[in-house]
């Protein structure tokens, strides 16, 4: 259980050292991608909805 918590929290930690080169800027014509956290939340709720609709009641 502790390994899972550590793995999940490490996703949100900033890198220990700064990147060697500055991050590349996106061109103004492309929309910014959604943050990774929003993707995680969305996938969690989609999974929960799918499990409920298929009769798996573990997440109530």
PDB file of N, CA and C in Angstrom:
ATOM      1  N   UNK A   1       0.833  -1.202   0.000  1.00  0.00           N
ATOM      2  CA  UNK A   1       0.000   0.000   0.000  1.00  0.00           C
ATOM      3  C   UNK A   1       0.872   1.259   0.000  1.00  0.00           C
ATOM      4  N   UNK A   2       1.913   1.249   0.833  1.00  0.00           N
ATOM      5  CA  UNK A   2       2.790   2.410   0.907  1.00  0.00           C
ATOM      6  C   UNK A   2       3.486   2.666  -0.425  1.00  0.00           C
ATOM      7  N   UNK A   3       3.832   1.593  -1.148  1.00  0.00           N
ATOM      8  CA  UNK A   3       4.464   1.753  -2.461  1.00  0.00           C
ATOM      9  C   UNK A   3       3.536   2.461  -3.435  1.00  0.00           C
ATOM     10  N   UNK A   4       2.238   2.140  -3.363  1.00  0.00           N
ATOM     11  CA  UNK A   4       1.262   2.770  -4.255  1.00  0.00           C
ATOM     12  C   UNK A   4       1.168   4.260  -3.954  1.00  0.00           C
ATOM     13  N   UNK A   5       1.100   4.600  -2.675  1.00  0.00           N
ATOM     14  CA  UNK A   5       1.015   6.014  -2.289  1.00  0.00           C
ATOM     15  C   UNK A   5       2.259   6.758  -2.756  1.00  0.00           C
ATOM     16  N   UNK A   6       3.432   6.163  -2.574  1.00  0.00           N
ATOM     17  CA  UNK A   6       4.669   6.812  -2.998  1.00  0.00           C
ATOM     18  C   UNK A   6       4.707   6.983  -4.517  1.00  0.00           C
ATOM     19  N   UNK A   7       4.255   5.973  -5.238  1.00  0.00           N
ATOM     20  CA  UNK A   7       4.258   6.065  -6.699  1.00  0.00           C
ATOM     21  C   UNK A   7       3.309   7.158  -7.170  1.00  0.00           C
ATOM     22  N   UNK A   8       2.140   7.262  -6.537  1.00  0.00           N
ATOM     23  CA  UNK A   8       1.161   8.267  -6.954  1.00  0.00           C
ATOM     24  C   UNK A   8       1.640   9.672  -6.614  1.00  0.00           C
ATOM     25  N   UNK A   9       2.223   9.856  -5.428  1.00  0.00           N
ATOM     26  CA  UNK A   9       2.647  11.203  -5.049  1.00  0.00           C
ATOM     27  C   UNK A   9       3.876  11.637  -5.837  1.00  0.00           C
ATOM     28  N   UNK A  10       4.710  10.690  -6.264  1.00  0.00           N
ATOM     29  CA  UNK A  10       5.902  11.079  -7.013  1.00  0.00           C
ATOM     30  C   UNK A  10       5.544  11.644  -8.382  1.00  0.00           C
ATOM     31  N   UNK A  11       4.350  11.347  -8.882  1.00  0.00           N
ATOM     32  CA  UNK A  11       3.924  11.897 -10.162  1.00  0.00           C
ATOM     33  C   UNK A  11       3.778  13.413 -10.104  1.00  0.00           C
ATOM     34  N   UNK A  12       3.495  13.953  -8.914  1.00  0.00           N
ATOM     35  CA  UNK A  12       3.200  15.378  -8.791  1.00  0.00           C
ATOM     36  C   UNK A  12       4.369  16.177  -8.241  1.00  0.00           C
ATOM     37  N   UNK A  13       5.486  15.529  -7.969  1.00  0.00           N
ATOM     38  CA  UNK A  13       6.649  16.249  -7.460  1.00  0.00           C
ATOM     39  C   UNK A  13       7.402  16.905  -8.608  1.00  0.00           C
ATOM     40  N   UNK A  14       7.917  18.101  -8.385  1.00  0.00           N
ATOM     41  CA  UNK A  14       8.756  18.719  -9.426  1.00  0.00           C
ATOM     42  C   UNK A  14      10.069  17.949  -9.535  1.00  0.00           C
ATOM     43  N   UNK A  15      10.739  18.016 -10.662  1.00  0.00           N
ATOM     44  CA  UNK A  15      12.017  17.309 -10.807  1.00  0.00           C
ATOM     45  C   UNK A  15      13.042  17.815  -9.802  1.00  0.00           C
ATOM     46  N   UNK A  16      13.915  16.931  -9.350  1.00  0.00           N
ATOM     47  CA  UNK A  16      14.904  17.287  -8.334  1.00  0.00           C
ATOM     48  C   UNK A  16      15.908  18.306  -8.864  1.00  0.00           C
ATOM     49  N   UNK A  17      16.281  18.196 -10.119  1.00  0.00           N
ATOM     50  CA  UNK A  17      17.231  19.146 -10.696  1.00  0.00           C
ATOM     51  C   UNK A  17      16.575  19.859 -11.877  1.00  0.00           C
ATOM     52  N   UNK A  18      16.964  21.089 -12.131  1.00  0.00           N
ATOM     53  CA  UNK A  18      16.368  21.798 -13.271  1.00  0.00           C
ATOM     54  C   UNK A  18      16.770  21.128 -14.585  1.00  0.00           C
ATOM     55  N   UNK A  19      15.946  21.223 -15.597  1.00  0.00           N
ATOM     56  CA  UNK A  19      16.298  20.616 -16.884  1.00  0.00           C
ATOM     57  C   UNK A  19      17.554  21.256 -17.471  1.00  0.00           C
ATOM     58  N   UNK A  20      18.287  20.480 -18.239  1.00  0.00           N
ATOM     59  CA  UNK A  20      19.547  20.962 -18.815  1.00  0.00           C
ATOM     60  C   UNK A  20      19.312  22.111 -19.789  1.00  0.00           C
ATOM     61  N   UNK A  21      18.222  22.039 -20.538  1.00  0.00           N
ATOM     62  CA  UNK A  21      17.912  23.109 -21.487  1.00  0.00           C
ATOM     63  C   UNK A  21      16.539  23.685 -21.154  1.00  0.00           C
ATOM     64  N   UNK A  22      16.300  24.939 -21.489  1.00  0.00           N
ATOM     65  CA  UNK A  22      14.971  25.506 -21.211  1.00  0.00           C
ATOM     66  C   UNK A  22      13.898  24.759 -22.005  1.00  0.00           C
ATOM     67  N   UNK A  23      12.712  24.606 -21.447  1.00  0.00           N
ATOM     68  CA  UNK A  23      11.654  23.890 -22.158  1.00  0.00           C
ATOM     69  C   UNK A  23      11.269  24.608 -23.449  1.00  0.00           C
ATOM     70  N   UNK A  24      10.972  23.836 -24.457  1.00  0.00           N
ATOM     71  CA  UNK A  24      10.589  24.420 -25.747  1.00  0.00           C
ATOM     72  C   UNK A  24       9.205  25.042 -25.628  1.00  0.00           C
ATOM     73  N   UNK A  25       9.048  26.218 -26.189  1.00  0.00           N
ATOM     74  CA  UNK A  25       7.746  26.892 -26.143  1.00  0.00           C
ATOM     75  C   UNK A  25       6.866  26.364 -27.261  1.00  0.00           C
ATOM     76  N   UNK A  26       5.574  26.223 -26.949  1.00  0.00           N
ATOM     77  CA  UNK A  26       4.632  25.779 -27.974  1.00  0.00           C
ATOM     78  C   UNK A  26       4.313  26.942 -28.903  1.00  0.00           C
ATOM     79  N   UNK A  27       4.144  26.660 -30.182  1.00  0.00           N
ATOM     80  CA  UNK A  27       3.695  27.728 -31.083  1.00  0.00           C
ATOM     81  C   UNK A  27       2.308  28.225 -30.671  1.00  0.00           C
ATOM     82  N   UNK A  28       2.035  29.485 -30.929  1.00  0.00           N
ATOM     83  CA  UNK A  28       0.763  30.078 -30.511  1.00  0.00           C
ATOM     84  C   UNK A  28      -0.429  29.448 -31.221  1.00  0.00           C
ATOM     85  N   UNK A  29      -0.205  28.831 -32.383  1.00  0.00           N
ATOM     86  CA  UNK A  29      -1.324  28.270 -33.140  1.00  0.00           C
ATOM     87  C   UNK A  29      -1.865  26.982 -32.526  1.00  0.00           C
ATOM     88  N   UNK A  30      -1.046  26.277 -31.734  1.00  0.00           N
ATOM     89  CA  UNK A  30      -1.503  25.028 -31.126  1.00  0.00           C
ATOM     90  C   UNK A  30      -2.073  25.305 -29.740  1.00  0.00           C
ATOM     91  N   UNK A  31      -3.217  24.710 -29.409  1.00  0.00           N
ATOM     92  CA  UNK A  31      -3.760  24.897 -28.060  1.00  0.00           C
ATOM     93  C   UNK A  31      -2.895  24.168 -27.034  1.00  0.00           C
ATOM     94  N   UNK A  32      -2.865  24.678 -25.840  1.00  0.00           N
ATOM     95  CA  UNK A  32      -2.087  24.039 -24.782  1.00  0.00           C
ATOM     96  C   UNK A  32      -2.748  22.723 -24.391  1.00  0.00           C
ATOM     97  N   UNK A  33      -1.934  21.721 -24.100  1.00  0.00           N
ATOM     98  CA  UNK A  33      -2.492  20.435 -23.679  1.00  0.00           C
ATOM     99  C   UNK A  33      -2.971  20.556 -22.232  1.00  0.00           C
ATOM    100  N   UNK A  34      -4.008  19.803 -21.864  1.00  0.00           N
ATOM    101  CA  UNK A  34      -4.506  19.884 -20.485  1.00  0.00           C
ATOM    102  C   UNK A  34      -3.468  19.343 -19.512  1.00  0.00           C
ATOM    103  N   UNK A  35      -3.492  19.797 -18.283  1.00  0.00           N
ATOM    104  CA  UNK A  35      -2.514  19.323 -17.305  1.00  0.00           C
ATOM    105  C   UNK A  35      -2.664  17.827 -17.045  1.00  0.00           C
ATOM    106  N   UNK A  36      -1.577  17.207 -16.646  1.00  0.00           N
ATOM    107  CA  UNK A  36      -1.597  15.764 -16.382  1.00  0.00           C
ATOM    108  C   UNK A  36      -2.571  15.424 -15.259  1.00  0.00           C
ATOM    109  N   UNK A  37      -2.699  16.290 -14.274  1.00  0.00           N
ATOM    110  CA  UNK A  37      -3.603  16.005 -13.158  1.00  0.00           C
ATOM    111  C   UNK A  37      -5.045  15.910 -13.638  1.00  0.00           C
ATOM    112  N   UNK A  38      -5.449  16.790 -14.527  1.00  0.00           N
ATOM    113  CA  UNK A  38      -6.808  16.736 -15.066  1.00  0.00           C
ATOM    114  C   UNK A  38      -7.026  15.431 -15.817  1.00  0.00           C
ATOM    115  N   UNK A  39      -6.014  14.960 -16.529  1.00  0.00           N
ATOM    116  CA  UNK A  39      -6.128  13.678 -17.222  1.00  0.00           C
ATOM    117  C   UNK A  39      -6.309  12.536 -16.236  1.00  0.00           C
ATOM    118  N   UNK A  40      -5.593  12.572 -15.120  1.00  0.00           N
ATOM    119  CA  UNK A  40      -5.726  11.519 -14.112  1.00  0.00           C
ATOM    120  C   UNK A  40      -7.122  11.514 -13.508  1.00  0.00           C
ATOM    121  N   UNK A  41      -7.647  12.686 -13.181  1.00  0.00           N
ATOM    122  CA  UNK A  41      -8.982  12.780 -12.600  1.00  0.00           C
ATOM    123  C   UNK A  41     -10.022  12.278 -13.593  1.00  0.00           C
ATOM    124  N   UNK A  42      -9.909  12.698 -14.838  1.00  0.00           N
ATOM    125  CA  UNK A  42     -10.862  12.271 -15.863  1.00  0.00           C
ATOM    126  C   UNK A  42     -10.831  10.763 -16.034  1.00  0.00           C
ATOM    127  N   UNK A  43      -9.635  10.181 -16.117  1.00  0.00           N
ATOM    128  CA  UNK A  43      -9.552   8.737 -16.316  1.00  0.00           C
ATOM    129  C   UNK A  43     -10.100   7.992 -15.108  1.00  0.00           C
ATOM    130  N   UNK A  44      -9.904   8.527 -13.894  1.00  0.00           N
ATOM    131  CA  UNK A  44     -10.453   7.881 -12.704  1.00  0.00           C
ATOM    132  C   UNK A  44     -11.973   7.838 -12.761  1.00  0.00           C
ATOM    133  N   UNK A  45     -12.603   8.972 -13.076  1.00  0.00           N
ATOM    134  CA  UNK A  45     -14.062   8.999 -13.103  1.00  0.00           C
ATOM    135  C   UNK A  45     -14.628   8.191 -14.258  1.00  0.00           C
ATOM    136  N   UNK A  46     -13.944   8.167 -15.394  1.00  0.00           N
ATOM    137  CA  UNK A  46     -14.397   7.323 -16.498  1.00  0.00           C
ATOM    138  C   UNK A  46     -14.335   5.854 -16.100  1.00  0.00           C
ATOM    139  N   UNK A  47     -13.249   5.457 -15.430  1.00  0.00           N
ATOM    140  CA  UNK A  47     -13.115   4.070 -14.982  1.00  0.00           C
ATOM    141  C   UNK A  47     -14.195   3.725 -13.962  1.00  0.00           C
ATOM    142  N   UNK A  48     -14.436   4.632 -13.021  1.00  0.00           N
ATOM    143  CA  UNK A  48     -15.443   4.398 -11.988  1.00  0.00           C
ATOM    144  C   UNK A  48     -16.822   4.249 -12.626  1.00  0.00           C
ATOM    145  N   UNK A  49     -17.153   5.101 -13.587  1.00  0.00           N
ATOM    146  CA  UNK A  49     -18.437   5.022 -14.282  1.00  0.00           C
ATOM    147  C   UNK A  49     -18.553   3.713 -15.048  1.00  0.00           C
ATOM    148  N   UNK A  50     -17.491   3.298 -15.713  1.00  0.00           N
ATOM    149  CA  UNK A  50     -17.512   2.049 -16.479  1.00  0.00           C
ATOM    150  C   UNK A  50     -17.721   0.863 -15.548  1.00  0.00           C
ATOM    151  N   UNK A  51     -17.022   0.855 -14.413  1.00  0.00           N
ATOM    152  CA  UNK A  51     -17.163  -0.256 -13.471  1.00  0.00           C
ATOM    153  C   UNK A  51     -18.577  -0.312 -12.902  1.00  0.00           C
ATOM    154  N   UNK A  52     -19.151   0.846 -12.575  1.00  0.00           N
ATOM    155  CA  UNK A  52     -20.521   0.867 -12.055  1.00  0.00           C
ATOM    156  C   UNK A  52     -21.504   0.356 -13.097  1.00  0.00           C
ATOM    157  N   UNK A  53     -21.325   0.751 -14.348  1.00  0.00           N
ATOM    158  CA  UNK A  53     -22.262   0.345 -15.390  1.00  0.00           C
ATOM    159  C   UNK A  53     -22.132  -1.140 -15.713  1.00  0.00           C
ATOM    160  N   UNK A  54     -21.008  -1.743 -15.354  1.00  0.00           N
ATOM    161  CA  UNK A  54     -20.819  -3.168 -15.614  1.00  0.00           C
ATOM    162  C   UNK A  54     -21.027  -4.012 -14.355  1.00  0.00           C
ATOM    163  N   UNK A  55     -21.624  -3.437 -13.334  1.00  0.00           N
ATOM    164  CA  UNK A  55     -22.024  -4.192 -12.156  1.00  0.00           C
ATOM    165  C   UNK A  55     -20.931  -4.466 -11.151  1.00  0.00           C
ATOM    166  N   UNK A  56     -19.840  -3.751 -11.209  1.00  0.00           N
ATOM    167  CA  UNK A  56     -18.782  -3.928 -10.220  1.00  0.00           C
ATOM    168  C   UNK A  56     -19.000  -2.867  -9.153  1.00  0.00           C
ATOM    169  N   UNK A  57     -19.352  -3.281  -7.943  1.00  0.00           N
ATOM    170  CA  UNK A  57     -19.702  -2.323  -6.899  1.00  0.00           C
ATOM    171  C   UNK A  57     -18.604  -2.070  -5.897  1.00  0.00           C
ATOM    172  N   UNK A  58     -17.348  -2.305  -6.245  1.00  0.00           N
ATOM    173  CA  UNK A  58     -16.246  -2.118  -5.304  1.00  0.00           C
ATOM    174  C   UNK A  58     -16.043  -0.662  -4.916  1.00  0.00           C
ATOM    175  N   UNK A  59     -16.342   0.271  -5.793  1.00  0.00           N
ATOM    176  CA  UNK A  59     -15.978   1.670  -5.572  1.00  0.00           C
ATOM    177  C   UNK A  59     -17.101   2.519  -4.989  1.00  0.00           C
ATOM    178  N   UNK A  60     -18.081   1.908  -4.385  1.00  0.00           N
ATOM    179  CA  UNK A  60     -19.200   2.684  -3.810  1.00  0.00           C
ATOM    180  C   UNK A  60     -18.771   3.421  -2.574  1.00  0.00           C
TER     181      UNK A  60
END
